[in-house]
Amino acid sequence: MNRRYPEGTALIYVNAHDDEVALVPGKRYIIERRRADGMHEATVKSLWKDDTGSLWLLPESTDPLFQQPIPVDGSEGDEVRVLGRVVYSVSKE
């Protein structure tokens, strides 16, 4: 997400579990992802809805290793949990 949030940016988010946050395309979410190969990450992604109605998490990164969309439904064998929706970001000057 370094295209959107430079290194050192602090994010404030609404906890999805406490407030029953509805997923809104175009908003950014903190997600937890566990892949079938054992990799585990917590990251921020933008939510996008395609023409078929499927929801995808899109990275905004300059790193080619982190530019692939992730299906929210975990159809690629990944477990994806939405932890919260980003509501503010604070960057160092």
N, C-alpha and C. Protein backbone atom coordinates (compact mmCIF):
# COMPACT_ATOMS: atom_id res chain seq x y z
N MET A 1 0.82 -1.20 0.00
CA MET A 1 0.00 0.00 0.00
C MET A 1 0.86 1.26 0.00
N ASN A 2 2.13 1.11 -0.36
CA ASN A 2 3.02 2.28 -0.30
C ASN A 2 2.66 3.36 -1.33
N ARG A 3 1.85 3.05 -2.31
CA ARG A 3 1.39 4.11 -3.22
C ARG A 3 0.39 5.03 -2.53
N ARG A 4 -0.34 4.49 -1.58
CA ARG A 4 -1.36 5.26 -0.86
C ARG A 4 -0.84 5.77 0.49
N TYR A 5 -0.15 4.90 1.22
CA TYR A 5 0.33 5.24 2.55
C TYR A 5 1.85 5.07 2.60
N PRO A 6 2.60 6.18 2.68
CA PRO A 6 4.05 6.06 2.76
C PRO A 6 4.48 5.39 4.07
N GLU A 7 5.68 4.85 4.06
CA GLU A 7 6.22 4.21 5.26
C GLU A 7 6.12 5.16 6.45
N GLY A 8 5.70 4.62 7.58
CA GLY A 8 5.54 5.42 8.79
C GLY A 8 4.15 5.99 9.00
N THR A 9 3.25 5.76 8.06
CA THR A 9 1.87 6.24 8.20
C THR A 9 1.13 5.43 9.25
N ALA A 10 0.40 6.12 10.12
CA ALA A 10 -0.45 5.46 11.11
C ALA A 10 -1.88 5.43 10.59
N LEU A 11 -2.53 4.28 10.74
CA LEU A 11 -3.91 4.13 10.28
C LEU A 11 -4.84 3.97 11.47
N ILE A 12 -5.97 4.65 11.41
CA ILE A 12 -7.01 4.52 12.41
C ILE A 12 -8.17 3.81 11.72
N TYR A 13 -8.70 2.78 12.37
CA TYR A 13 -9.75 2.00 11.72
C TYR A 13 -10.89 1.68 12.66
N VAL A 14 -12.03 1.37 12.08
CA VAL A 14 -13.22 0.93 12.82
C VAL A 14 -13.16 -0.59 12.83
N ASN A 15 -13.23 -1.17 14.02
CA ASN A 15 -13.15 -2.60 14.19
C ASN A 15 -14.39 -3.26 13.56
N ALA A 16 -14.17 -4.16 12.63
CA ALA A 16 -15.29 -4.81 11.93
C ALA A 16 -16.12 -5.68 12.86
N HIS A 17 -15.51 -6.23 13.89
CA HIS A 17 -16.23 -7.14 14.78
C HIS A 17 -17.14 -6.39 15.75
N ASP A 18 -16.74 -5.21 16.19
CA ASP A 18 -17.54 -4.45 17.16
C ASP A 18 -18.69 -3.70 16.51
N ASP A 19 -18.46 -3.16 15.33
CA ASP A 19 -19.44 -2.26 14.73
C ASP A 19 -20.14 -2.86 13.51
N GLU A 20 -19.91 -4.12 13.23
CA GLU A 20 -20.53 -4.77 12.08
C GLU A 20 -20.37 -3.92 10.81
N VAL A 21 -19.14 -3.61 10.49
CA VAL A 21 -18.83 -2.78 9.33
C VAL A 21 -19.25 -3.48 8.05
N ALA A 22 -20.06 -2.82 7.26
CA ALA A 22 -20.46 -3.35 5.95
C ALA A 22 -19.33 -3.10 4.96
N LEU A 23 -19.06 -4.08 4.11
CA LEU A 23 -18.01 -3.91 3.11
C LEU A 23 -18.50 -2.98 2.01
N VAL A 24 -17.74 -1.92 1.77
CA VAL A 24 -18.11 -0.90 0.79
C VAL A 24 -16.99 -0.80 -0.26
N PRO A 25 -17.29 -1.13 -1.52
CA PRO A 25 -16.28 -1.00 -2.56
C PRO A 25 -15.72 0.43 -2.60
N GLY A 26 -14.41 0.52 -2.81
CA GLY A 26 -13.74 1.81 -2.85
C GLY A 26 -13.11 2.21 -1.53
N LYS A 27 -13.51 1.56 -0.44
CA LYS A 27 -12.93 1.83 0.87
C LYS A 27 -11.73 0.91 1.08
N ARG A 28 -10.90 1.27 2.07
CA ARG A 28 -9.72 0.47 2.38
C ARG A 28 -9.94 -0.27 3.69
N TYR A 29 -9.46 -1.52 3.72
CA TYR A 29 -9.68 -2.39 4.86
C TYR A 29 -8.38 -3.02 5.34
N ILE A 30 -8.30 -3.21 6.65
CA ILE A 30 -7.22 -3.98 7.23
C ILE A 30 -7.69 -5.43 7.21
N ILE A 31 -6.86 -6.27 6.63
CA ILE A 31 -7.24 -7.68 6.50
C ILE A 31 -6.16 -8.57 7.09
N GLU A 32 -6.58 -9.76 7.45
CA GLU A 32 -5.66 -10.81 7.87
C GLU A 32 -5.81 -11.93 6.86
N ARG A 33 -4.69 -12.41 6.37
CA ARG A 33 -4.71 -13.44 5.33
C ARG A 33 -3.80 -14.58 5.74
N ARG A 34 -4.34 -15.79 5.67
CA ARG A 34 -3.55 -17.00 5.90
C ARG A 34 -3.63 -17.84 4.63
N ARG A 35 -2.47 -18.06 4.05
CA ARG A 35 -2.44 -18.85 2.82
C ARG A 35 -2.26 -20.32 3.13
N ALA A 36 -2.62 -21.16 2.19
CA ALA A 36 -2.51 -22.60 2.35
C ALA A 36 -1.06 -23.03 2.58
N ASP A 37 -0.09 -22.24 2.07
CA ASP A 37 1.33 -22.59 2.24
C ASP A 37 1.88 -22.18 3.61
N GLY A 38 1.02 -21.64 4.48
CA GLY A 38 1.44 -21.26 5.83
C GLY A 38 1.77 -19.80 6.01
N MET A 39 1.86 -19.04 4.93
CA MET A 39 2.16 -17.62 5.03
C MET A 39 1.01 -16.90 5.72
N HIS A 40 1.34 -15.97 6.61
CA HIS A 40 0.33 -15.21 7.35
C HIS A 40 0.71 -13.74 7.26
N GLU A 41 -0.28 -12.88 6.98
CA GLU A 41 -0.01 -11.45 6.91
C GLU A 41 -1.21 -10.65 7.36
N ALA A 42 -0.94 -9.47 7.87
CA ALA A 42 -1.97 -8.47 8.13
C ALA A 42 -1.57 -7.28 7.27
N THR A 43 -2.51 -6.76 6.49
CA THR A 43 -2.18 -5.71 5.54
C THR A 43 -3.42 -4.85 5.27
N VAL A 44 -3.23 -3.84 4.46
CA VAL A 44 -4.32 -2.95 4.06
C VAL A 44 -4.54 -3.12 2.56
N LYS A 45 -5.80 -3.24 2.18
CA LYS A 45 -6.14 -3.38 0.76
C LYS A 45 -7.39 -2.56 0.46
N SER A 46 -7.53 -2.15 -0.79
CA SER A 46 -8.75 -1.48 -1.26
C SER A 46 -9.75 -2.54 -1.70
N LEU A 47 -11.02 -2.31 -1.42
CA LEU A 47 -12.06 -3.25 -1.82
C LEU A 47 -12.61 -2.85 -3.18
N TRP A 48 -12.76 -3.83 -4.06
CA TRP A 48 -13.27 -3.60 -5.41
C TRP A 48 -14.30 -4.67 -5.73
N LYS A 49 -15.35 -4.28 -6.44
CA LYS A 49 -16.40 -5.22 -6.86
C LYS A 49 -16.35 -5.32 -8.38
N ASP A 50 -16.22 -6.54 -8.89
CA ASP A 50 -16.15 -6.70 -10.35
C ASP A 50 -17.55 -6.79 -10.96
N ASP A 51 -17.61 -6.95 -12.29
CA ASP A 51 -18.88 -6.97 -13.02
C ASP A 51 -19.79 -8.13 -12.64
N THR A 52 -19.22 -9.19 -12.08
CA THR A 52 -20.03 -10.34 -11.67
C THR A 52 -20.52 -10.23 -10.23
N GLY A 53 -20.09 -9.17 -9.53
CA GLY A 53 -20.48 -8.98 -8.13
C GLY A 53 -19.50 -9.54 -7.13
N SER A 54 -18.42 -10.17 -7.61
CA SER A 54 -17.40 -10.71 -6.71
C SER A 54 -16.59 -9.57 -6.10
N LEU A 55 -16.19 -9.75 -4.83
CA LEU A 55 -15.39 -8.75 -4.13
C LEU A 55 -13.92 -9.16 -4.13
N TRP A 56 -13.07 -8.17 -4.38
CA TRP A 56 -11.63 -8.37 -4.45
C TRP A 56 -10.93 -7.34 -3.58
N LEU A 57 -9.79 -7.74 -3.03
CA LEU A 57 -8.93 -6.83 -2.28
C LEU A 57 -7.76 -6.48 -3.17
N LEU A 58 -7.60 -5.18 -3.44
CA LEU A 58 -6.57 -4.72 -4.36
C LEU A 58 -5.44 -4.03 -3.62
N PRO A 59 -4.21 -4.45 -3.87
CA PRO A 59 -3.08 -3.76 -3.28
C PRO A 59 -2.77 -2.48 -4.04
N GLU A 60 -2.14 -1.55 -3.37
CA GLU A 60 -1.66 -0.32 -4.02
C GLU A 60 -0.17 -0.22 -3.71
N SER A 61 0.59 -1.13 -4.30
CA SER A 61 2.01 -1.27 -4.00
C SER A 61 2.86 -1.11 -5.25
N THR A 62 4.05 -0.60 -5.06
CA THR A 62 5.01 -0.51 -6.16
C THR A 62 5.80 -1.81 -6.32
N ASP A 63 5.70 -2.70 -5.35
CA ASP A 63 6.43 -3.97 -5.38
C ASP A 63 5.65 -4.99 -6.21
N PRO A 64 6.24 -5.51 -7.29
CA PRO A 64 5.53 -6.48 -8.15
C PRO A 64 5.06 -7.73 -7.40
N LEU A 65 5.71 -8.09 -6.30
CA LEU A 65 5.30 -9.26 -5.54
C LEU A 65 3.99 -9.05 -4.79
N PHE A 66 3.58 -7.79 -4.66
CA PHE A 66 2.38 -7.48 -3.89
C PHE A 66 1.37 -6.70 -4.72
N GLN A 67 1.15 -7.12 -5.96
CA GLN A 67 0.23 -6.40 -6.84
C GLN A 67 -0.94 -7.25 -7.33
N GLN A 68 -1.01 -8.50 -6.87
CA GLN A 68 -2.10 -9.38 -7.31
C GLN A 68 -3.35 -9.17 -6.46
N PRO A 69 -4.52 -9.08 -7.08
CA PRO A 69 -5.77 -8.99 -6.32
C PRO A 69 -6.02 -10.27 -5.53
N ILE A 70 -6.71 -10.12 -4.41
CA ILE A 70 -7.03 -11.25 -3.54
C ILE A 70 -8.55 -11.37 -3.46
N PRO A 71 -9.12 -12.55 -3.77
CA PRO A 71 -10.57 -12.70 -3.64
C PRO A 71 -10.99 -12.70 -2.17
N VAL A 72 -12.01 -11.94 -1.82
CA VAL A 72 -12.48 -11.87 -0.43
C VAL A 72 -13.01 -13.22 0.03
N ASP A 73 -13.60 -13.98 -0.89
CA ASP A 73 -14.21 -15.25 -0.51
C ASP A 73 -13.21 -16.37 -0.23
N GLY A 74 -11.91 -16.10 -0.41
CA GLY A 74 -10.91 -17.12 -0.13
C GLY A 74 -10.91 -18.26 -1.13
N SER A 75 -11.41 -18.02 -2.33
CA SER A 75 -11.54 -19.09 -3.33
C SER A 75 -10.20 -19.65 -3.81
N GLU A 76 -9.11 -18.98 -3.51
CA GLU A 76 -7.79 -19.49 -3.92
C GLU A 76 -7.14 -20.33 -2.81
N GLY A 77 -7.95 -20.79 -1.84
CA GLY A 77 -7.42 -21.60 -0.75
C GLY A 77 -6.91 -20.78 0.42
N ASP A 78 -7.05 -19.46 0.36
CA ASP A 78 -6.62 -18.59 1.44
C ASP A 78 -7.78 -18.34 2.39
N GLU A 79 -7.45 -18.13 3.65
CA GLU A 79 -8.44 -17.67 4.62
C GLU A 79 -8.27 -16.16 4.73
N VAL A 80 -9.31 -15.41 4.45
CA VAL A 80 -9.25 -13.95 4.47
C VAL A 80 -10.27 -13.44 5.50
N ARG A 81 -9.78 -12.64 6.45
CA ARG A 81 -10.65 -12.02 7.46
C ARG A 81 -10.51 -10.51 7.38
N VAL A 82 -11.62 -9.83 7.34
CA VAL A 82 -11.61 -8.37 7.38
C VAL A 82 -11.62 -7.96 8.84
N LEU A 83 -10.58 -7.23 9.27
CA LEU A 83 -10.46 -6.82 10.66
C LEU A 83 -11.12 -5.46 10.91
N GLY A 84 -11.06 -4.58 9.90
CA GLY A 84 -11.66 -3.26 10.09
C GLY A 84 -11.52 -2.38 8.86
N ARG A 85 -12.29 -1.28 8.85
CA ARG A 85 -12.24 -0.31 7.74
C ARG A 85 -11.44 0.90 8.17
N VAL A 86 -10.50 1.30 7.32
CA VAL A 86 -9.67 2.47 7.60
C VAL A 86 -10.54 3.72 7.53
N VAL A 87 -10.44 4.58 8.56
CA VAL A 87 -11.22 5.80 8.57
C VAL A 87 -10.33 7.05 8.56
N TYR A 88 -9.07 6.92 9.00
CA TYR A 88 -8.13 8.04 8.97
C TYR A 88 -6.73 7.50 8.75
N SER A 89 -5.88 8.36 8.17
CA SER A 89 -4.45 8.05 8.09
C SER A 89 -3.69 9.30 8.53
N VAL A 90 -2.59 9.08 9.21
CA VAL A 90 -1.77 10.18 9.70
C VAL A 90 -0.34 9.93 9.24
N SER A 91 0.24 10.90 8.53
CA SER A 91 1.60 10.78 8.02
C SER A 91 2.51 11.79 8.70
N LYS A 92 3.75 11.41 8.82
CA LYS A 92 4.78 12.26 9.36
C LYS A 92 5.13 13.34 8.33
N GLU A 93 5.43 14.53 8.77
CA GLU A 93 5.80 15.60 7.85
C GLU A 93 7.30 15.66 7.70
